[in-house]
Amino acid sequence: MRLFGTNGIREVVGGTLDARFVTDIVGAVAEVHEGKGTAIVGTDARTSSPALGRIAAGTLAMAGMDVLELGILPTPAIQYNVPRLHASFAVVITASHNPPEFNGIKGIAADGLEFPRELEERVEAAYAARRGRTVDFARVGTITPVPDGASRYVDGILSCVNVDRIRQRKLRVLVDCGNGTSTVSSPLLLQKLGVRYVALNATFDGTFPGHLSEPTEANVAGTVRTVTAVGADFGVVHDGDADRSVFIDEKGRYIPGEKMLALFAREAVRAHPGGLVVTPVTSSDAVAEVIAPFGGSVLFTRVGSPVVARAMQEHKAVMGGEENGGLIFADHQLARDGAVTLAKVSEILATTGQPLSELIDSLPPYHLVKEKVACPVPLRAKLLDAVPGLLDADSGGEVTRIDGVKVRTSKGWVLVRPSGTEPLCRIFAESRDRAVAEELARGTARRVASLVEDLERESLARA
């Protein structure tokens, strides 16, 4: 039974995700940990999160564990607190950037990293067997609110950037909290960095009235326009649980996540010559290109921040992250972290004296285009088997199967991979020519959609 996707469990509230489901999953987590130690519970700001968080905390206490309630916090803030509060694990109630009708459950291990897949499998097995844990009245655990989780997290970020240099730069920043968890952390961080800021959507609202929680260019168009209107040095937008950040330069240009990854990879390896950067197969070729002059190398992984973070830990990488704005800085913590990314951007601008637009324009001109095609889960295996033929891989293009199927051509590369959270396939295409990248992505999407239709007809005929 596969419940955990690439980044936790996410379901529609009132459907699969109800009180019983949360009780059973969290009970399974407690069972796998044998009810030992202290557990942390934290949530995002969705309408259902406080209720589901209390169910999770009560379930853990009834399993005999003492529980520390951190309340509404960014996911990376909860991760930062886990080892510092000496907890055995944390349960985070969040659906990250998903639409408001969703919520989810994420597990954080004692070291602050997300549960590895083998631990998720043990939880899934315990859930399937309905192996929960309940103790008698004398051994029920305590539930204690912990109000200083945000300040502890922000102070940790301040310790890994040059605060004095940032203060001297006298930056002006537009921060869009997206009505999510960064409301409690990013304005506080900017205050402590001495940065003047304008805040948008800086109140909790799980219906996301400002804009949808995923900070795509289309979703944050209003914020993009506001950056130049207020004369900001840059703008930053967080997703719902603030483990991601996207940026807008002082000219009002939305900066794709893969370009920010390349920028930070270059700075990290410049500071640590010969360093390793870890990133999924979805990432831009620009990453390898910009770190090569400093002796850097890239390790490509499957998609998902848990995979990237643990690979960074194993191989002692200096930097990691994904092309979606989720960046991981080894000098802070091995977790995607939107607030530390904000602080690091401020530091780069303060150190170089350059505007963000110039830094971005100094990167190699790659263009990454994304599409998606509906694909029922039972058809995924046959679809992936056929992808090399669809993409003319037999003509000599390199084929990589780390996650999905990635084919290189003389024009660029294309990747087709099944989503870990939805019944669809995601398509990524990159080229130095934007028009070529768009045609690679759209042409592949058309061919994949046609193949899915053929496979569905075959399936119906056999039935």
Protein backbone atom coordinates (compact mmCIF):
# COMPACT_ATOMS: atom_id res chain seq x y z
CA MET A 1 0.00 0.00 0.00
CA ARG A 2 1.69 3.21 -1.19
CA LEU A 3 0.46 6.22 0.78
CA PHE A 4 3.47 8.55 0.81
CA GLY A 5 4.28 10.33 -2.44
CA THR A 6 7.42 12.24 -3.31
CA ASN A 7 6.81 14.58 -0.38
CA GLY A 8 4.46 13.10 2.18
CA ILE A 9 0.78 12.19 1.99
CA ARG A 10 -1.63 14.60 0.30
CA GLU A 11 -5.37 14.04 -0.06
CA VAL A 12 -8.61 15.98 -0.28
CA VAL A 13 -10.04 16.83 3.14
CA GLY A 14 -13.34 15.06 3.78
CA GLY A 15 -12.49 12.35 1.26
CA THR A 16 -9.65 10.01 2.09
CA LEU A 17 -8.25 12.53 4.53
CA ASP A 18 -10.56 12.54 7.54
CA ALA A 19 -10.16 12.25 11.30
CA ARG A 20 -9.97 8.46 11.23
CA PHE A 21 -7.28 8.46 8.53
CA VAL A 22 -5.10 10.90 10.49
CA THR A 23 -5.59 8.87 13.68
CA ASP A 24 -4.61 5.65 11.94
CA ILE A 25 -1.58 7.08 10.12
CA VAL A 26 -0.23 8.91 13.16
CA GLY A 27 -0.94 5.85 15.28
CA ALA A 28 1.13 3.83 12.83
CA VAL A 29 3.97 6.35 13.15
CA ALA A 30 3.84 5.99 16.94
CA GLU A 31 3.80 2.19 16.63
CA VAL A 32 6.87 2.17 14.38
CA HIS A 33 8.67 4.31 16.99
CA GLU A 34 7.39 2.01 19.78
CA GLY A 35 5.81 4.97 21.54
CA LYS A 36 9.21 6.10 22.79
CA GLY A 37 10.59 9.60 23.17
CA THR A 38 9.11 13.02 22.53
CA ALA A 39 7.14 13.90 19.39
CA ILE A 40 6.59 17.26 17.74
CA VAL A 41 3.41 18.33 15.93
CA GLY A 42 3.29 21.39 13.70
CA THR A 43 0.91 22.55 10.99
CA ASP A 44 0.49 24.87 8.05
CA ALA A 45 -2.27 27.50 7.90
CA ARG A 46 -4.93 25.58 5.98
CA THR A 47 -8.48 25.68 7.31
CA SER A 48 -8.34 22.03 8.37
CA SER A 49 -4.81 22.07 9.81
CA PRO A 50 -5.49 23.13 13.43
CA ALA A 51 -8.14 20.42 13.81
CA LEU A 52 -6.01 17.74 12.19
CA GLY A 53 -2.99 18.85 14.21
CA ARG A 54 -4.90 18.38 17.44
CA ILE A 55 -6.01 14.93 16.33
CA ALA A 56 -2.37 14.06 15.62
CA ALA A 57 -1.19 15.39 18.98
CA GLY A 58 -3.92 13.53 20.85
CA THR A 59 -3.17 10.31 19.02
CA LEU A 60 0.52 10.51 19.95
CA ALA A 61 -0.27 11.33 23.59
CA MET A 62 -2.66 8.37 23.76
CA ALA A 63 0.22 6.25 22.48
CA GLY A 64 2.20 7.27 25.56
CA MET A 65 4.37 9.96 23.99
CA ASP A 66 4.96 13.47 25.27
CA VAL A 67 4.05 15.96 22.54
CA LEU A 68 5.42 19.42 21.82
CA GLU A 69 2.97 21.52 19.81
CA LEU A 70 4.72 24.10 17.64
CA GLY A 71 1.50 25.43 16.09
CA ILE A 72 1.52 27.07 12.66
CA LEU A 73 5.07 27.20 11.30
CA PRO A 74 6.88 26.74 8.01
CA THR A 75 7.79 23.12 7.38
CA PRO A 76 11.54 23.95 7.41
CA ALA A 77 11.08 25.73 10.75
CA ILE A 78 9.57 22.56 12.18
CA GLN A 79 12.45 20.55 10.73
CA TYR A 80 14.96 22.94 12.28
CA ASN A 81 13.34 22.57 15.70
CA VAL A 82 13.23 18.76 15.78
CA PRO A 83 16.90 18.05 16.66
CA ARG A 84 17.18 21.18 18.78
CA LEU A 85 14.24 20.12 20.94
CA HIS A 86 15.64 16.56 21.07
CA ALA A 87 12.49 15.04 19.61
CA SER A 88 12.27 11.51 18.23
CA PHE A 89 10.29 12.71 15.22
CA ALA A 90 7.74 15.26 14.06
CA VAL A 91 4.40 14.98 12.35
CA VAL A 92 3.66 17.95 10.09
CA ILE A 93 0.13 18.60 8.88
CA THR A 94 0.60 20.29 5.51
CA ALA A 95 -0.24 20.04 1.83
CA SER A 96 2.51 22.50 0.85
CA HIS A 97 1.51 24.23 -2.42
CA ASN A 98 -1.60 22.16 -3.19
CA PRO A 99 -5.04 23.82 -3.64
CA PRO A 100 -7.01 24.68 -0.49
CA GLU A 101 -9.18 21.55 -0.49
CA PHE A 102 -6.09 19.42 0.17
CA ASN A 103 -4.15 18.65 3.29
CA GLY A 104 -1.50 16.11 4.13
CA ILE A 105 0.88 14.45 6.55
CA LYS A 106 4.66 14.56 6.49
CA GLY A 107 7.05 12.78 8.82
CA ILE A 108 10.31 14.32 10.03
CA ALA A 109 13.02 12.11 11.55
CA ALA A 110 15.09 12.92 14.64
CA ASP A 111 17.85 14.51 12.53
CA GLY A 112 15.41 17.00 10.97
CA LEU A 113 15.33 15.28 7.58
CA GLU A 114 12.11 13.92 6.14
CA PHE A 115 11.37 10.26 6.75
CA PRO A 116 13.43 8.04 4.43
CA ARG A 117 11.43 5.76 2.14
CA GLU A 118 12.18 2.65 4.20
CA LEU A 119 10.60 4.28 7.27
CA GLU A 120 7.57 5.37 5.24
CA GLU A 121 7.16 1.75 4.12
CA ARG A 122 7.15 0.58 7.74
CA VAL A 123 4.48 3.17 8.56
CA GLU A 124 2.42 2.06 5.56
CA ALA A 125 2.68 -1.57 6.67
CA ALA A 126 1.60 -0.71 10.21
CA TYR A 127 -1.31 1.32 8.84
CA ALA A 128 -2.42 -1.53 6.57
CA ALA A 129 -2.29 -3.97 9.49
CA ARG A 130 -4.09 -1.45 11.72
CA ARG A 131 -1.27 -1.65 14.23
CA GLY A 132 -1.86 1.38 16.41
CA ARG A 133 -0.74 1.96 19.96
CA THR A 134 -2.80 2.91 23.02
CA VAL A 135 -1.67 3.00 26.64
CA ASP A 136 -3.62 2.97 29.89
CA PHE A 137 -4.67 6.11 31.73
CA ALA A 138 -1.51 6.29 33.83
CA ARG A 139 0.83 6.39 30.83
CA VAL A 140 -0.92 8.91 28.58
CA GLY A 141 1.60 11.52 27.45
CA THR A 142 1.53 15.26 27.95
CA ILE A 143 0.85 17.92 25.30
CA THR A 144 2.86 21.11 25.72
CA PRO A 145 2.67 24.24 23.52
CA VAL A 146 6.07 25.58 22.41
CA PRO A 147 5.70 29.24 21.39
CA ASP A 148 9.29 30.08 20.37
CA GLY A 149 9.72 27.81 17.35
CA ALA A 150 9.73 30.68 14.85
CA SER A 151 12.30 32.80 16.71
CA ARG A 152 14.62 29.80 17.19
CA TYR A 153 14.43 29.10 13.46
CA VAL A 154 15.02 32.72 12.41
CA ASP A 155 18.00 33.01 14.76
CA GLY A 156 19.46 29.92 13.11
CA ILE A 157 19.19 31.56 9.69
CA LEU A 158 20.88 34.73 10.97
CA SER A 159 23.85 32.64 12.10
CA CYS A 160 24.67 31.51 8.54
CA VAL A 161 24.62 34.88 6.70
CA ASN A 162 26.59 38.12 7.06
CA VAL A 163 24.02 40.24 8.85
CA ASP A 164 26.24 43.33 9.06
CA ARG A 165 26.91 43.30 5.32
CA ILE A 166 23.18 42.93 4.59
CA ARG A 167 22.33 45.83 6.92
CA GLN A 168 24.87 48.05 5.14
CA ARG A 169 23.29 47.31 1.74
CA LYS A 170 19.96 48.91 2.86
CA LEU A 171 17.83 46.65 0.71
CA ARG A 172 14.14 47.16 0.02
CA VAL A 173 12.20 43.91 -0.48
CA LEU A 174 8.65 42.94 -1.37
CA VAL A 175 7.72 39.74 0.48
CA ASP A 176 4.55 37.85 -0.45
CA CYS A 177 3.67 35.36 2.27
CA GLY A 178 0.83 33.86 0.22
CA ASN A 179 -1.47 33.74 3.31
CA GLY A 180 0.69 30.84 4.47
CA THR A 181 3.15 29.93 7.18
CA SER A 182 5.90 32.36 6.17
CA THR A 183 3.72 35.04 7.77
CA VAL A 184 5.36 34.17 11.12
CA SER A 185 8.93 33.98 9.88
CA SER A 186 9.91 35.97 6.78
CA PRO A 187 8.82 39.45 8.01
CA LEU A 188 10.58 38.71 11.32
CA LEU A 189 13.70 37.61 9.43
CA LEU A 190 13.75 40.76 7.30
CA GLN A 191 13.35 42.93 10.39
CA LYS A 192 16.36 41.27 12.02
CA LEU A 193 18.38 41.63 8.82
CA GLY A 194 17.69 45.37 8.79
CA VAL A 195 15.88 45.11 5.46
CA ARG A 196 13.06 47.51 4.65
CA TYR A 197 10.13 45.51 3.33
CA VAL A 198 6.59 45.62 2.05
CA ALA A 199 4.52 42.56 2.95
CA LEU A 200 1.65 41.15 0.89
CA ASN A 201 -0.83 38.44 1.94
CA ALA A 202 0.78 38.34 5.38
CA THR A 203 -2.20 36.93 7.28
CA PHE A 204 -3.16 33.29 7.72
CA ASP A 205 -5.98 32.24 5.42
CA GLY A 206 -6.26 28.65 4.26
CA THR A 207 -8.49 29.61 1.34
CA PHE A 208 -5.53 31.53 -0.19
CA PRO A 209 -7.45 34.65 -1.22
CA GLY A 210 -4.36 36.51 -2.42
CA HIS A 211 -3.47 33.89 -5.04
CA LEU A 212 -3.20 30.13 -5.30
CA SER A 213 -0.57 28.58 -3.05
CA GLU A 214 1.75 27.33 -5.78
CA PRO A 215 3.92 30.34 -6.75
CA THR A 216 3.89 29.88 -10.51
CA GLU A 217 4.39 32.88 -12.77
CA ALA A 218 0.68 32.94 -13.67
CA ASN A 219 -0.45 32.70 -10.05
CA VAL A 220 1.72 35.57 -8.78
CA ALA A 221 1.31 38.01 -11.70
CA GLY A 222 -0.06 40.69 -9.36
CA THR A 223 2.97 40.40 -7.10
CA VAL A 224 5.31 40.64 -10.09
CA ARG A 225 3.75 43.98 -11.05
CA THR A 226 3.99 45.29 -7.50
CA VAL A 227 7.77 44.82 -7.23
CA THR A 228 8.53 47.67 -9.61
CA ALA A 229 5.63 49.75 -8.28
CA VAL A 230 7.19 49.87 -4.79
CA GLY A 231 10.78 50.19 -6.06
CA ALA A 232 11.96 46.96 -4.45
CA ASP A 233 15.42 45.51 -5.04
CA PHE A 234 13.65 42.18 -5.48
CA GLY A 235 10.46 40.38 -4.62
CA VAL A 236 10.04 36.96 -3.02
CA VAL A 237 6.96 34.73 -2.90
CA HIS A 238 6.59 31.70 -0.63
CA ASP A 239 4.35 28.69 -1.12
CA GLY A 240 1.91 27.52 1.56
CA ASP A 241 4.38 25.85 3.90
CA ALA A 242 7.32 28.12 2.98
CA ASP A 243 9.77 25.44 1.98
CA ARG A 244 10.03 27.12 -1.42
CA SER A 245 10.70 30.66 -2.64
CA VAL A 246 10.42 32.21 -6.07
CA PHE A 247 11.97 35.56 -6.90
CA ILE A 248 11.23 38.63 -9.01
CA ASP A 249 14.11 40.92 -9.96
CA GLU A 250 14.10 44.71 -9.68
CA LYS A 251 12.97 44.98 -13.30
CA GLY A 252 9.80 43.03 -12.57
CA ARG A 253 10.95 39.76 -14.17
CA TYR A 254 9.79 36.48 -12.67
CA ILE A 255 12.85 34.26 -12.21
CA PRO A 256 12.31 30.53 -12.85
CA GLY A 257 13.43 28.28 -10.02
CA GLU A 258 16.06 26.51 -12.11
CA LYS A 259 17.92 29.81 -12.58
CA MET A 260 18.01 30.49 -8.84
CA LEU A 261 19.33 26.96 -8.31
CA ALA A 262 22.12 27.59 -10.82
CA LEU A 263 22.96 30.94 -9.22
CA PHE A 264 23.28 29.47 -5.74
CA ALA A 265 25.13 26.39 -6.98
CA ARG A 266 27.74 28.68 -8.55
CA GLU A 267 28.13 30.71 -5.36
CA ALA A 268 28.34 27.61 -3.15
CA VAL A 269 31.02 25.90 -5.26
CA ARG A 270 32.91 29.17 -5.74
CA ALA A 271 33.15 29.30 -1.92
CA HIS A 272 33.97 25.56 -1.71
CA PRO A 273 36.01 24.67 -4.82
CA GLY A 274 35.49 21.09 -5.94
CA GLY A 275 32.18 20.90 -4.06
CA LEU A 276 29.28 18.63 -4.93
CA VAL A 277 25.77 19.82 -5.83
CA VAL A 278 22.85 17.38 -5.58
CA THR A 279 19.73 17.91 -7.69
CA PRO A 280 17.05 15.81 -9.43
CA VAL A 281 17.11 14.82 -13.10
CA THR A 282 14.56 17.60 -13.73
CA SER A 283 17.16 20.31 -13.18
CA SER A 284 18.82 22.50 -15.79
CA ASP A 285 22.14 21.76 -17.47
CA ALA A 286 23.10 25.26 -16.33
CA VAL A 287 23.92 23.85 -12.87
CA ALA A 288 26.76 21.66 -14.14
CA GLU A 289 27.99 24.37 -16.50
CA VAL A 290 28.30 27.15 -13.90
CA ILE A 291 30.14 25.05 -11.29
CA ALA A 292 32.59 23.40 -13.71
CA PRO A 293 35.08 26.34 -13.63
CA PHE A 294 35.42 25.82 -9.86
CA GLY A 295 35.91 22.06 -10.09
CA GLY A 296 32.37 21.31 -8.98
CA SER A 297 30.36 18.22 -9.84
CA VAL A 298 26.67 17.30 -9.92
CA LEU A 299 24.94 14.22 -8.53
CA PHE A 300 21.52 13.67 -10.15
CA THR A 301 18.79 11.93 -8.14
CA ARG A 302 15.14 11.03 -8.32
CA VAL A 303 12.65 13.84 -7.76
CA GLY A 304 11.77 14.74 -4.19
CA SER A 305 13.43 16.81 -1.48
CA PRO A 306 13.79 13.79 0.88
CA VAL A 307 15.90 12.04 -1.75
CA VAL A 308 18.01 15.13 -2.44
CA ALA A 309 18.56 15.91 1.25
CA ARG A 310 19.67 12.41 2.16
CA ALA A 311 21.98 12.23 -0.85
CA MET A 312 23.50 15.52 0.30
CA GLN A 313 24.01 14.05 3.74
CA GLU A 314 25.60 10.87 2.41
CA HIS A 315 27.94 12.58 -0.06
CA LYS A 316 28.66 15.74 1.97
CA ALA A 317 27.35 18.09 -0.70
CA VAL A 318 27.68 21.86 -0.35
CA MET A 319 24.39 22.69 -2.06
CA GLY A 320 21.25 21.00 -3.31
CA GLY A 321 17.76 21.69 -4.47
CA GLU A 322 15.09 21.38 -7.11
CA GLU A 323 14.06 23.48 -10.11
CA ASN A 324 10.79 24.47 -8.41
CA GLY A 325 12.31 26.97 -5.97
CA GLY A 326 13.05 24.46 -3.20
CA LEU A 327 16.71 25.01 -2.29
CA ILE A 328 18.82 23.29 0.38
CA PHE A 329 21.83 24.99 1.98
CA ALA A 330 24.19 22.60 3.76
CA ASP A 331 25.49 25.30 6.10
CA HIS A 332 21.98 25.75 7.57
CA GLN A 333 20.05 22.47 7.45
CA LEU A 334 19.36 19.66 5.00
CA ALA A 335 15.85 20.78 4.15
CA ARG A 336 14.19 22.87 1.44
CA ASP A 337 13.97 26.25 3.07
CA GLY A 338 12.30 29.36 1.67
CA ALA A 339 13.39 31.76 4.40
CA VAL A 340 17.09 30.90 4.32
CA THR A 341 16.92 31.29 0.52
CA LEU A 342 15.57 34.80 1.07
CA ALA A 343 18.44 35.58 3.45
CA LYS A 344 21.02 34.16 1.03
CA VAL A 345 19.71 36.28 -1.86
CA SER A 346 20.01 39.34 0.35
CA GLU A 347 23.58 38.35 1.21
CA ILE A 348 24.60 37.86 -2.43
CA LEU A 349 23.26 41.28 -3.39
CA ALA A 350 25.00 42.85 -0.40
CA THR A 351 28.31 41.11 -1.10
CA THR A 352 28.48 41.65 -4.86
CA GLY A 353 26.82 45.03 -5.02
CA GLN A 354 25.07 43.82 -8.18
CA PRO A 355 21.32 43.92 -8.79
CA LEU A 356 19.56 40.58 -9.04
CA SER A 357 18.88 41.09 -12.75
CA GLU A 358 22.62 41.24 -13.55
CA LEU A 359 23.34 38.11 -11.54
CA ILE A 360 20.63 36.21 -13.37
CA ASP A 361 21.71 37.50 -16.78
CA SER A 362 25.24 36.22 -16.11
CA LEU A 363 23.95 32.61 -16.14
CA PRO A 364 23.97 30.41 -19.26
CA PRO A 365 20.82 30.99 -21.37
CA TYR A 366 18.96 27.72 -20.89
CA HIS A 367 15.16 27.53 -21.07
CA LEU A 368 13.21 24.86 -19.16
CA VAL A 369 9.57 24.24 -20.16
CA LYS A 370 7.08 22.03 -18.31
CA GLU A 371 3.90 20.29 -19.43
CA LYS A 372 1.68 17.59 -17.94
CA VAL A 373 -0.56 14.88 -19.37
CA ALA A 374 -3.24 12.85 -17.58
CA CYS A 375 -2.18 9.23 -17.19
CA PRO A 376 -3.95 6.57 -15.09
CA VAL A 377 -1.56 4.92 -12.64
CA PRO A 378 -2.00 1.35 -14.08
CA LEU A 379 -0.72 2.57 -17.48
CA ARG A 380 2.49 4.18 -16.24
CA ALA A 381 4.83 1.22 -16.74
CA LYS A 382 3.78 0.61 -20.35
CA LEU A 383 3.94 4.31 -21.10
CA LEU A 384 7.51 4.65 -19.82
CA ASP A 385 8.59 1.58 -21.79
CA ALA A 386 7.41 3.32 -24.96
CA VAL A 387 8.90 6.75 -24.25
CA PRO A 388 12.35 6.19 -25.85
CA GLY A 389 10.64 5.33 -29.12
CA LEU A 390 8.42 8.39 -28.89
CA LEU A 391 11.47 10.61 -28.42
CA ASP A 392 13.65 9.04 -31.12
CA ALA A 393 16.14 7.76 -28.57
CA ASP A 394 17.22 5.06 -31.04
CA SER A 395 18.83 7.77 -33.17
CA GLY A 396 21.67 8.07 -30.69
CA GLY A 397 20.29 10.19 -27.85
CA GLU A 398 21.50 9.33 -24.34
CA VAL A 399 18.72 7.70 -22.25
CA THR A 400 18.62 8.07 -18.45
CA ARG A 401 16.18 6.17 -16.21
CA ILE A 402 16.96 7.60 -12.79
CA ASP A 403 13.37 8.82 -12.50
CA GLY A 404 11.08 8.36 -15.48
CA VAL A 405 12.80 8.45 -18.87
CA LYS A 406 15.12 11.28 -19.93
CA VAL A 407 16.37 11.50 -23.51
CA ARG A 408 19.07 13.85 -24.78
CA THR A 409 18.99 15.07 -28.37
CA SER A 410 21.15 17.47 -30.38
CA LYS A 411 18.64 20.21 -29.53
CA GLY A 412 18.35 19.64 -25.78
CA TRP A 413 16.70 17.07 -23.54
CA VAL A 414 13.22 15.79 -22.65
CA LEU A 415 12.10 13.99 -19.49
CA VAL A 416 8.83 12.11 -18.99
CA ARG A 417 8.13 11.00 -15.42
CA PRO A 418 5.01 9.93 -13.51
CA SER A 419 3.81 12.30 -10.81
CA GLY A 420 4.27 11.06 -7.27
CA THR A 421 1.04 12.71 -6.10
CA GLU A 422 -1.40 12.79 -9.03
CA PRO A 423 -2.57 10.50 -11.90
CA LEU A 424 -0.54 12.26 -14.56
CA CYS A 425 2.87 12.39 -16.21
CA ARG A 426 5.05 15.46 -16.02
CA ILE A 427 7.10 16.50 -19.02
CA PHE A 428 10.25 18.63 -18.83
CA ALA A 429 12.18 19.91 -21.84
CA GLU A 430 15.23 22.14 -21.99
CA SER A 431 17.17 23.85 -24.74
CA ARG A 432 19.28 26.96 -25.20
CA ASP A 433 16.56 28.14 -27.59
CA ARG A 434 13.21 28.92 -25.92
CA ALA A 435 11.18 28.10 -29.03
CA VAL A 436 12.92 24.73 -29.33
CA ALA A 437 12.30 23.94 -25.65
CA GLU A 438 8.62 24.81 -26.03
CA GLU A 439 8.26 22.62 -29.11
CA LEU A 440 10.10 19.72 -27.44
CA ALA A 441 7.76 19.94 -24.43
CA ARG A 442 4.52 20.43 -26.36
CA GLY A 443 5.37 17.90 -29.05
CA THR A 444 6.22 15.32 -26.40
CA ALA A 445 3.00 16.10 -24.52
CA ARG A 446 0.97 15.50 -27.69
CA ARG A 447 2.69 12.19 -28.36
CA VAL A 448 2.34 11.04 -24.74
CA ALA A 449 -1.36 11.98 -24.70
CA SER A 450 -1.95 10.02 -27.90
CA LEU A 451 -0.13 7.00 -26.49
CA VAL A 452 -2.17 7.14 -23.28
CA GLU A 453 -5.35 7.07 -25.37
CA ASP A 454 -4.06 4.01 -27.27
CA LEU A 455 -3.17 2.24 -24.03
CA GLU A 456 -6.60 3.01 -22.56
CA ARG A 457 -8.31 1.53 -25.61
CA GLU A 458 -6.17 -1.59 -25.35
CA SER A 459 -7.02 -1.91 -21.67
CA LEU A 460 -10.75 -1.59 -22.36
CA ALA A 461 -10.55 -4.14 -25.19
CA ARG A 462 -8.90 -6.70 -22.90
CA ALA A 463 -11.52 -6.07 -20.22
